């Protein structure tokens, strides 16, 4: 006797040898991997059709989940005292900002990424001013003394990465 069943992918009727029961094989029609049931009765297995309403509901739920996830990811915290932040942002000196940038580059080079992230957050409100200082550091023939031991290509990469974060 043989095992007779339908492919769960294409619906074609398949006949398999008794010893194939309980094993995996490929459908001769669609070549998808399928499980050969271990039935020795020789009776054809009846398969229930897929409920299309369930599939539609599942797709709708997945779309809604995706939308909510995207909304959560795009939320940003808005500082309560944004006027104070704006006023403070316009009052930093080039020297202080340069020191912050050098500190951040040093932290990045030393692998202190959490500290570098915190320092970057201090620099970010001064975007254009910080980019000008980064460009000046990148174009200088002699690097700042605190950065002199960092190889030139590595320092250039760190400056590019910091520039991308700021702008």
N, C-alpha and C. Protein backbone atom coordinates (compact mmCIF):
# COMPACT_ATOMS: atom_id res chain seq x y z
N UNK A 1 0.85 -1.19 0.00
CA UNK A 1 0.00 0.00 0.00
C UNK A 1 0.88 1.24 0.00
N UNK A 2 0.27 2.33 -0.38
CA UNK A 2 1.01 3.59 -0.41
C UNK A 2 0.25 4.65 0.38
N UNK A 3 0.96 5.73 0.64
CA UNK A 3 0.36 6.86 1.37
C UNK A 3 -0.06 7.89 0.33
N UNK A 4 -1.32 8.28 0.37
CA UNK A 4 -1.85 9.27 -0.58
C UNK A 4 -2.25 10.52 0.21
N UNK A 5 -1.76 11.65 -0.24
CA UNK A 5 -2.08 12.93 0.42
C UNK A 5 -1.94 14.05 -0.59
N UNK A 6 -2.30 15.27 -0.18
CA UNK A 6 -2.20 16.44 -1.04
C UNK A 6 -1.05 17.34 -0.58
N UNK A 7 -0.36 17.94 -1.55
CA UNK A 7 0.70 18.91 -1.23
C UNK A 7 0.06 20.13 -0.57
N UNK A 8 0.62 20.55 0.53
CA UNK A 8 0.07 21.70 1.25
C UNK A 8 0.38 23.03 0.55
N UNK A 9 1.24 23.00 -0.47
CA UNK A 9 1.60 24.22 -1.19
C UNK A 9 0.81 24.39 -2.49
N UNK A 10 0.79 23.34 -3.28
CA UNK A 10 0.13 23.47 -4.58
C UNK A 10 -1.18 22.68 -4.67
N UNK A 11 -1.45 21.81 -3.69
CA UNK A 11 -2.70 21.07 -3.67
C UNK A 11 -2.72 19.81 -4.53
N UNK A 12 -1.62 19.47 -5.19
CA UNK A 12 -1.57 18.27 -6.05
C UNK A 12 -1.64 17.01 -5.21
N UNK A 13 -2.26 15.98 -5.76
CA UNK A 13 -2.38 14.69 -5.10
C UNK A 13 -1.04 13.97 -5.25
N UNK A 14 -0.54 13.44 -4.12
CA UNK A 14 0.77 12.80 -4.13
C UNK A 14 0.62 11.39 -3.55
N UNK A 15 1.32 10.45 -4.16
CA UNK A 15 1.34 9.09 -3.68
C UNK A 15 2.77 8.76 -3.29
N UNK A 16 2.96 8.34 -2.03
CA UNK A 16 4.30 8.03 -1.53
C UNK A 16 4.33 6.60 -1.02
N UNK A 17 5.51 6.02 -1.02
CA UNK A 17 5.68 4.64 -0.53
C UNK A 17 5.42 4.60 0.97
N UNK A 18 5.03 3.43 1.47
CA UNK A 18 4.75 3.26 2.90
C UNK A 18 5.94 3.65 3.78
N UNK A 19 7.14 3.33 3.31
CA UNK A 19 8.32 3.62 4.13
C UNK A 19 8.68 5.11 4.15
N UNK A 20 7.99 5.95 3.36
CA UNK A 20 8.24 7.39 3.35
C UNK A 20 7.44 8.11 4.43
N UNK A 21 6.52 7.43 5.09
CA UNK A 21 5.69 8.05 6.12
C UNK A 21 6.52 8.58 7.28
N UNK A 22 6.20 9.79 7.71
CA UNK A 22 6.91 10.41 8.82
C UNK A 22 8.21 11.08 8.41
N UNK A 23 8.47 11.18 7.12
CA UNK A 23 9.70 11.80 6.63
C UNK A 23 9.38 13.04 5.82
N UNK A 24 10.42 13.77 5.49
CA UNK A 24 10.28 14.97 4.65
C UNK A 24 10.68 14.66 3.23
N UNK A 25 10.02 15.28 2.29
CA UNK A 25 10.35 15.09 0.88
C UNK A 25 9.97 16.33 0.09
N UNK A 26 10.16 16.25 -1.23
CA UNK A 26 9.81 17.37 -2.11
C UNK A 26 8.62 16.98 -2.96
N UNK A 27 7.72 17.93 -3.14
CA UNK A 27 6.56 17.71 -4.00
C UNK A 27 7.06 17.58 -5.44
N UNK A 28 6.62 16.56 -6.16
CA UNK A 28 7.06 16.40 -7.55
C UNK A 28 6.52 17.50 -8.47
N UNK A 29 5.46 18.18 -8.06
CA UNK A 29 4.86 19.21 -8.91
C UNK A 29 5.50 20.59 -8.66
N UNK A 30 5.54 21.01 -7.38
CA UNK A 30 6.01 22.39 -7.10
C UNK A 30 7.40 22.42 -6.46
N UNK A 31 7.94 21.26 -6.10
CA UNK A 31 9.28 21.11 -5.52
C UNK A 31 9.45 21.77 -4.15
N UNK A 32 8.34 22.07 -3.46
CA UNK A 32 8.43 22.59 -2.10
C UNK A 32 8.63 21.44 -1.13
N UNK A 33 9.31 21.71 -0.02
CA UNK A 33 9.54 20.70 1.00
C UNK A 33 8.23 20.45 1.74
N UNK A 34 7.92 19.17 1.95
CA UNK A 34 6.68 18.84 2.65
C UNK A 34 6.88 17.59 3.48
N UNK A 35 6.01 17.44 4.46
CA UNK A 35 6.05 16.30 5.38
C UNK A 35 5.10 15.22 4.87
N UNK A 36 5.61 14.02 4.76
CA UNK A 36 4.80 12.88 4.34
C UNK A 36 4.19 12.28 5.61
N UNK A 37 2.86 12.30 5.72
CA UNK A 37 2.23 11.77 6.93
C UNK A 37 2.48 10.28 7.07
N UNK A 38 2.50 9.83 8.31
CA UNK A 38 2.77 8.42 8.59
C UNK A 38 1.49 7.62 8.67
N UNK A 39 0.69 7.63 7.64
CA UNK A 39 -0.59 6.93 7.64
C UNK A 39 -0.46 5.66 6.83
N UNK A 40 -0.79 4.54 7.43
CA UNK A 40 -0.72 3.27 6.72
C UNK A 40 -2.09 2.80 6.25
N UNK A 41 -3.11 3.59 6.46
CA UNK A 41 -4.46 3.14 6.14
C UNK A 41 -4.74 3.17 4.65
N UNK A 42 -3.96 3.90 3.89
CA UNK A 42 -4.18 4.00 2.46
C UNK A 42 -5.30 4.96 2.09
N UNK A 43 -5.91 5.55 3.09
CA UNK A 43 -6.98 6.50 2.80
C UNK A 43 -6.38 7.86 2.49
N UNK A 44 -7.03 8.55 1.61
CA UNK A 44 -6.58 9.89 1.25
C UNK A 44 -6.87 10.84 2.41
N UNK A 45 -5.91 11.67 2.74
CA UNK A 45 -6.08 12.65 3.81
C UNK A 45 -6.89 13.83 3.30
N UNK A 46 -7.82 14.26 4.08
CA UNK A 46 -8.63 15.42 3.71
C UNK A 46 -7.99 16.66 4.34
N UNK A 47 -7.72 17.66 3.53
CA UNK A 47 -7.14 18.90 4.01
C UNK A 47 -8.21 19.98 4.04
N UNK A 48 -8.20 20.77 5.11
CA UNK A 48 -9.17 21.86 5.22
C UNK A 48 -8.62 23.07 4.47
N UNK A 49 -9.50 23.79 3.80
CA UNK A 49 -9.03 24.99 3.10
C UNK A 49 -8.61 26.07 4.10
N UNK A 50 -7.73 26.92 3.66
CA UNK A 50 -7.26 28.03 4.48
C UNK A 50 -8.34 29.08 4.54
N UNK A 51 -8.62 29.57 5.75
CA UNK A 51 -9.62 30.61 5.93
C UNK A 51 -9.00 31.95 5.52
N UNK A 52 -9.46 32.50 4.40
CA UNK A 52 -8.89 33.74 3.88
C UNK A 52 -9.17 34.92 4.80
N UNK A 53 -10.28 34.89 5.55
CA UNK A 53 -10.56 35.97 6.50
C UNK A 53 -9.49 36.04 7.58
N UNK A 54 -9.03 34.88 8.04
CA UNK A 54 -7.96 34.86 9.04
C UNK A 54 -6.67 35.45 8.48
N UNK A 55 -6.38 35.14 7.23
CA UNK A 55 -5.18 35.69 6.60
C UNK A 55 -5.28 37.20 6.46
N UNK A 56 -6.43 37.70 6.07
CA UNK A 56 -6.63 39.15 5.92
C UNK A 56 -6.47 39.83 7.27
N UNK A 57 -7.10 39.24 8.31
CA UNK A 57 -6.99 39.80 9.66
C UNK A 57 -5.53 39.83 10.11
N UNK A 58 -4.80 38.76 9.84
CA UNK A 58 -3.40 38.69 10.25
C UNK A 58 -2.58 39.76 9.53
N UNK A 59 -2.82 39.97 8.25
CA UNK A 59 -2.11 41.02 7.51
C UNK A 59 -2.43 42.39 8.06
N UNK A 60 -3.70 42.64 8.40
CA UNK A 60 -4.09 43.93 8.96
C UNK A 60 -3.40 44.16 10.31
N UNK A 61 -3.37 43.13 11.15
CA UNK A 61 -2.71 43.26 12.45
C UNK A 61 -1.22 43.51 12.29
N UNK A 62 -0.59 42.84 11.35
CA UNK A 62 0.84 43.06 11.11
C UNK A 62 1.10 44.47 10.62
N UNK A 63 0.24 44.98 9.73
CA UNK A 63 0.39 46.36 9.24
C UNK A 63 0.21 47.36 10.37
N UNK A 64 -0.77 47.12 11.23
CA UNK A 64 -1.00 48.01 12.36
C UNK A 64 0.18 47.97 13.35
N UNK A 65 0.70 46.78 13.59
CA UNK A 65 1.87 46.64 14.46
C UNK A 65 3.06 47.39 13.89
N UNK A 66 3.27 47.27 12.61
CA UNK A 66 4.38 47.96 11.95
C UNK A 66 4.21 49.48 12.08
N UNK A 67 2.99 49.97 11.84
CA UNK A 67 2.71 51.40 11.93
C UNK A 67 2.98 51.92 13.34
N UNK A 68 2.51 51.21 14.35
CA UNK A 68 2.71 51.63 15.73
C UNK A 68 4.20 51.61 16.09
N UNK A 69 4.90 50.59 15.64
CA UNK A 69 6.33 50.51 15.90
C UNK A 69 7.06 51.69 15.29
N UNK A 70 6.72 52.04 14.06
CA UNK A 70 7.36 53.18 13.41
C UNK A 70 7.06 54.49 14.14
N UNK A 71 5.83 54.64 14.63
CA UNK A 71 5.48 55.85 15.38
C UNK A 71 6.28 55.94 16.67
N UNK A 72 6.43 54.83 17.36
CA UNK A 72 7.19 54.82 18.60
C UNK A 72 8.65 55.16 18.33
N UNK A 73 9.20 54.57 17.28
CA UNK A 73 10.60 54.84 16.96
C UNK A 73 10.85 56.27 16.53
N UNK A 74 9.85 56.92 15.95
CA UNK A 74 10.05 58.28 15.47
C UNK A 74 9.78 59.34 16.53
N UNK A 75 9.25 58.93 17.69
CA UNK A 75 9.00 59.89 18.76
C UNK A 75 10.32 60.42 19.29
N UNK A 76 10.31 61.71 19.63
CA UNK A 76 11.49 62.33 20.21
C UNK A 76 11.08 63.08 21.45
N UNK A 77 11.98 63.11 22.41
CA UNK A 77 11.69 63.88 23.61
C UNK A 77 11.90 65.36 23.31
N UNK A 78 10.96 66.16 23.74
CA UNK A 78 11.06 67.60 23.56
C UNK A 78 11.43 68.21 24.91
N UNK A 79 12.56 68.92 24.98
CA UNK A 79 12.94 69.50 26.26
C UNK A 79 11.90 70.51 26.75
N UNK A 80 11.66 70.50 28.06
CA UNK A 80 10.67 71.40 28.65
C UNK A 80 11.06 72.86 28.54
N UNK A 81 12.32 73.14 28.78
CA UNK A 81 12.76 74.53 28.75
C UNK A 81 13.60 74.76 27.49
N UNK A 82 12.94 74.69 26.32
CA UNK A 82 13.63 74.85 25.04
C UNK A 82 14.14 76.27 24.86
N UNK A 83 13.50 77.26 25.45
CA UNK A 83 13.98 78.64 25.35
C UNK A 83 15.33 78.77 26.04
N UNK A 84 15.48 78.13 27.21
CA UNK A 84 16.75 78.17 27.91
C UNK A 84 17.83 77.46 27.11
N UNK A 85 17.48 76.35 26.48
CA UNK A 85 18.44 75.61 25.68
C UNK A 85 18.90 76.44 24.49
N UNK A 86 17.97 77.12 23.83
CA UNK A 86 18.31 77.96 22.69
C UNK A 86 19.21 79.11 23.12
N UNK A 87 18.89 79.73 24.25
CA UNK A 87 19.71 80.83 24.74
C UNK A 87 21.11 80.33 25.10
N UNK A 88 21.18 79.14 25.72
CA UNK A 88 22.48 78.59 26.10
C UNK A 88 23.27 78.18 24.87
N UNK A 89 22.58 77.74 23.82
CA UNK A 89 23.26 77.29 22.62
C UNK A 89 24.01 78.41 21.92
N UNK A 90 23.51 79.61 22.00
CA UNK A 90 24.15 80.71 21.31
C UNK A 90 25.27 81.34 22.13
N UNK A 91 25.50 80.86 23.36
CA UNK A 91 26.46 81.50 24.24
C UNK A 91 27.75 80.71 24.44
N UNK A 92 28.03 79.68 23.69
CA UNK A 92 29.26 78.92 23.88
C UNK A 92 30.38 79.52 23.05
N UNK A 93 31.57 79.52 23.59
CA UNK A 93 32.72 80.08 22.86
C UNK A 93 33.33 79.02 21.94
N UNK A 94 34.04 79.48 20.93
CA UNK A 94 34.71 78.55 20.02
C UNK A 94 35.71 77.69 20.78
N UNK A 95 36.38 78.30 21.77
CA UNK A 95 37.38 77.56 22.54
C UNK A 95 36.73 76.41 23.30
N UNK A 96 35.60 76.69 23.98
CA UNK A 96 34.91 75.65 24.75
C UNK A 96 34.38 74.55 23.82
N UNK A 97 33.80 74.95 22.69
CA UNK A 97 33.28 73.97 21.74
C UNK A 97 34.41 73.13 21.15
N UNK A 98 35.54 73.76 20.86
CA UNK A 98 36.71 73.03 20.36
C UNK A 98 37.18 72.01 21.39
N UNK A 99 37.22 72.41 22.65
CA UNK A 99 37.61 71.48 23.71
C UNK A 99 36.65 70.30 23.79
N UNK A 100 35.34 70.57 23.67
CA UNK A 100 34.36 69.49 23.69
C UNK A 100 34.55 68.55 22.50
N UNK A 101 34.82 69.10 21.34
CA UNK A 101 35.03 68.28 20.13
C UNK A 101 36.27 67.42 20.27
N UNK A 102 37.36 68.01 20.76
CA UNK A 102 38.60 67.26 20.95
C UNK A 102 38.38 66.14 21.97
N UNK A 103 37.68 66.46 23.04
CA UNK A 103 37.37 65.44 24.06
C UNK A 103 36.57 64.30 23.45
N UNK A 104 35.59 64.64 22.66
CA UNK A 104 34.75 63.61 22.03
C UNK A 104 35.56 62.74 21.08
N UNK A 105 36.41 63.35 20.25
CA UNK A 105 37.24 62.59 19.32
C UNK A 105 38.18 61.66 20.09
N UNK A 106 38.73 62.15 21.19
CA UNK A 106 39.62 61.34 22.02
C UNK A 106 38.86 60.16 22.62
N UNK A 107 37.64 60.42 23.10
CA UNK A 107 36.83 59.35 23.67
C UNK A 107 36.50 58.29 22.61
N UNK A 108 36.18 58.74 21.41
CA UNK A 108 35.89 57.80 20.33
C UNK A 108 37.12 56.96 20.01
N UNK A 109 38.28 57.60 19.94
CA UNK A 109 39.51 56.88 19.62
C UNK A 109 39.87 55.88 20.70
N UNK A 110 39.57 56.20 21.96
CA UNK A 110 39.88 55.32 23.08
C UNK A 110 38.81 54.26 23.31
N UNK A 111 37.74 54.28 22.51
CA UNK A 111 36.69 53.28 22.64
C UNK A 111 35.70 53.57 23.76
N UNK A 112 35.70 54.77 24.28
CA UNK A 112 34.76 55.17 25.33
C UNK A 112 33.49 55.72 24.67
N UNK A 113 32.74 54.83 24.05
CA UNK A 113 31.63 55.24 23.18
C UNK A 113 30.46 55.85 23.95
N UNK A 114 30.17 55.38 25.15
CA UNK A 114 29.08 55.97 25.93
C UNK A 114 29.40 57.42 26.30
N UNK A 115 30.63 57.65 26.73
CA UNK A 115 31.04 59.01 27.07
C UNK A 115 31.07 59.89 25.82
N UNK A 116 31.52 59.32 24.71
CA UNK A 116 31.56 60.07 23.46
C UNK A 116 30.15 60.48 23.03
N UNK A 117 29.18 59.58 23.23
CA UNK A 117 27.78 59.89 22.88
C UNK A 117 27.28 61.06 23.73
N UNK A 118 27.60 61.05 25.02
CA UNK A 118 27.17 62.14 25.91
C UNK A 118 27.81 63.46 25.48
N UNK A 119 29.09 63.41 25.14
CA UNK A 119 29.78 64.62 24.70
C UNK A 119 29.22 65.11 23.37
N UNK A 120 28.89 64.21 22.48
CA UNK A 120 28.28 64.58 21.19
C UNK A 120 26.95 65.30 21.42
N UNK A 121 26.19 64.86 22.40
CA UNK A 121 24.91 65.51 22.71
C UNK A 121 25.12 66.95 23.18
N UNK A 122 26.26 67.21 23.82
CA UNK A 122 26.58 68.59 24.22
C UNK A 122 26.95 69.45 23.01
N UNK A 123 27.52 68.81 22.01
CA UNK A 123 28.01 69.52 20.82
C UNK A 123 26.90 69.75 19.80
N UNK A 124 25.99 68.83 19.66
CA UNK A 124 24.96 68.84 18.62
C UNK A 124 24.17 70.15 18.51
N UNK A 125 23.79 70.82 19.61
CA UNK A 125 23.02 72.07 19.46
C UNK A 125 23.78 73.17 18.71
N UNK A 126 25.08 73.03 18.58
CA UNK A 126 25.89 74.06 17.92
C UNK A 126 26.34 73.58 16.55
N UNK A 127 25.44 72.92 15.83
CA UNK A 127 25.72 72.25 14.56
C UNK A 127 26.69 72.94 13.62
N UNK A 128 26.32 74.09 13.08
CA UNK A 128 27.15 74.76 12.07
C UNK A 128 28.49 75.18 12.66
N UNK A 129 28.46 75.70 13.87
CA UNK A 129 29.69 76.13 14.53
C UNK A 129 30.61 74.92 14.74
N UNK A 130 30.06 73.79 15.16
CA UNK A 130 30.84 72.58 15.40
C UNK A 130 31.40 72.02 14.09
N UNK A 131 30.61 72.05 13.02
CA UNK A 131 31.09 71.55 11.72
C UNK A 131 32.28 72.40 11.24
N UNK A 132 32.22 73.71 11.43
CA UNK A 132 33.35 74.58 11.05
C UNK A 132 34.61 74.21 11.83
N UNK A 133 34.45 73.94 13.11
CA UNK A 133 35.61 73.56 13.92
C UNK A 133 36.15 72.19 13.48
N UNK A 134 35.26 71.25 13.20
CA UNK A 134 35.69 69.93 12.71
C UNK A 134 36.44 70.06 11.39
N UNK A 135 35.95 70.91 10.49
CA UNK A 135 36.63 71.12 9.21
C UNK A 135 38.02 71.73 9.44
N UNK A 136 38.09 72.65 10.37
CA UNK A 136 39.38 73.29 10.67
C UNK A 136 40.36 72.24 11.22
N UNK A 137 39.89 71.36 12.10
CA UNK A 137 40.75 70.30 12.64
C UNK A 137 41.18 69.34 11.53
N UNK A 138 40.25 69.00 10.65
CA UNK A 138 40.55 68.06 9.56
C UNK A 138 41.57 68.63 8.59
N UNK A 139 41.51 69.93 8.34
CA UNK A 139 42.39 70.55 7.35
C UNK A 139 43.73 71.00 7.92
N UNK A 140 43.87 71.02 9.24
CA UNK A 140 45.13 71.51 9.82
C UNK A 140 46.24 70.49 9.55
N UNK A 141 47.43 71.01 9.30
CA UNK A 141 48.56 70.15 9.00
C UNK A 141 49.04 69.42 10.24
N UNK A 142 48.98 70.09 11.37
CA UNK A 142 49.37 69.46 12.64
C UNK A 142 48.12 69.29 13.48
N UNK A 143 47.83 68.07 13.89
CA UNK A 143 46.64 67.86 14.71
C UNK A 143 46.82 68.47 16.10
N UNK A 144 45.73 68.63 16.78
CA UNK A 144 45.76 69.13 18.15
C UNK A 144 46.64 68.18 18.97
N UNK A 145 47.36 68.69 19.96
CA UNK A 145 48.26 67.84 20.75
C UNK A 145 47.54 66.64 21.40
N UNK A 146 46.28 66.81 21.81
CA UNK A 146 45.55 65.72 22.44
C UNK A 146 45.23 64.61 21.45
N UNK A 147 45.28 64.92 20.15
CA UNK A 147 44.92 63.95 19.11
C UNK A 147 46.13 63.49 18.29
N UNK A 148 47.32 63.93 18.67
CA UNK A 148 48.53 63.68 17.87
C UNK A 148 48.86 62.20 17.74
N UNK A 149 48.51 61.38 18.72
CA UNK A 149 48.87 59.96 18.67
C UNK A 149 47.89 59.12 17.85
N UNK A 150 46.80 59.72 17.37
CA UNK A 150 45.82 58.99 16.56
C UNK A 150 46.28 59.04 15.11
N UNK A 151 46.38 57.87 14.44
CA UNK A 151 46.78 57.87 13.03
C UNK A 151 45.86 58.76 12.19
N UNK A 152 46.44 59.41 11.18
CA UNK A 152 45.71 60.38 10.36
C UNK A 152 44.42 59.84 9.75
N UNK A 153 44.47 58.65 9.19
CA UNK A 153 43.27 58.08 8.57
C UNK A 153 42.20 57.77 9.60
N UNK A 154 42.60 57.32 10.76
CA UNK A 154 41.64 57.03 11.82
C UNK A 154 40.99 58.33 12.28
N UNK A 155 41.80 59.35 12.49
CA UNK A 155 41.28 60.65 12.91
C UNK A 155 40.31 61.21 11.87
N UNK A 156 40.66 61.08 10.59
CA UNK A 156 39.77 61.54 9.52
C UNK A 156 38.43 60.81 9.57
N UNK A 157 38.47 59.50 9.81
CA UNK A 157 37.25 58.72 9.91
C UNK A 157 36.41 59.15 11.10
N UNK A 158 37.06 59.40 12.23
CA UNK A 158 36.33 59.85 13.43
C UNK A 158 35.68 61.21 13.19
N UNK A 159 36.40 62.10 12.51
CA UNK A 159 35.85 63.43 12.21
C UNK A 159 34.64 63.30 11.30
N UNK A 160 34.74 62.45 10.26
CA UNK A 160 33.59 62.24 9.36
C UNK A 160 32.39 61.70 10.12
N UNK A 161 32.64 60.72 10.99
CA UNK A 161 31.55 60.11 11.75
C UNK A 161 30.90 61.16 12.66
N UNK A 162 31.70 61.97 13.32
CA UNK A 162 31.17 63.00 14.20
C UNK A 162 30.40 64.04 13.39
N UNK A 163 30.91 64.39 12.24
CA UNK A 163 30.26 65.37 11.37
C UNK A 163 28.87 64.86 10.94
N UNK A 164 28.80 63.56 10.62
CA UNK A 164 27.53 62.96 10.23
C UNK A 164 26.53 62.99 11.38
N UNK A 165 27.00 62.73 12.59
CA UNK A 165 26.11 62.75 13.76
C UNK A 165 25.57 64.15 14.03
N UNK A 166 26.40 65.15 13.82
CA UNK A 166 26.01 66.52 14.15
C UNK A 166 25.05 67.08 13.10
N UNK A 167 25.31 66.78 11.84
CA UNK A 167 24.47 67.38 10.78
C UNK A 167 23.36 66.49 10.34
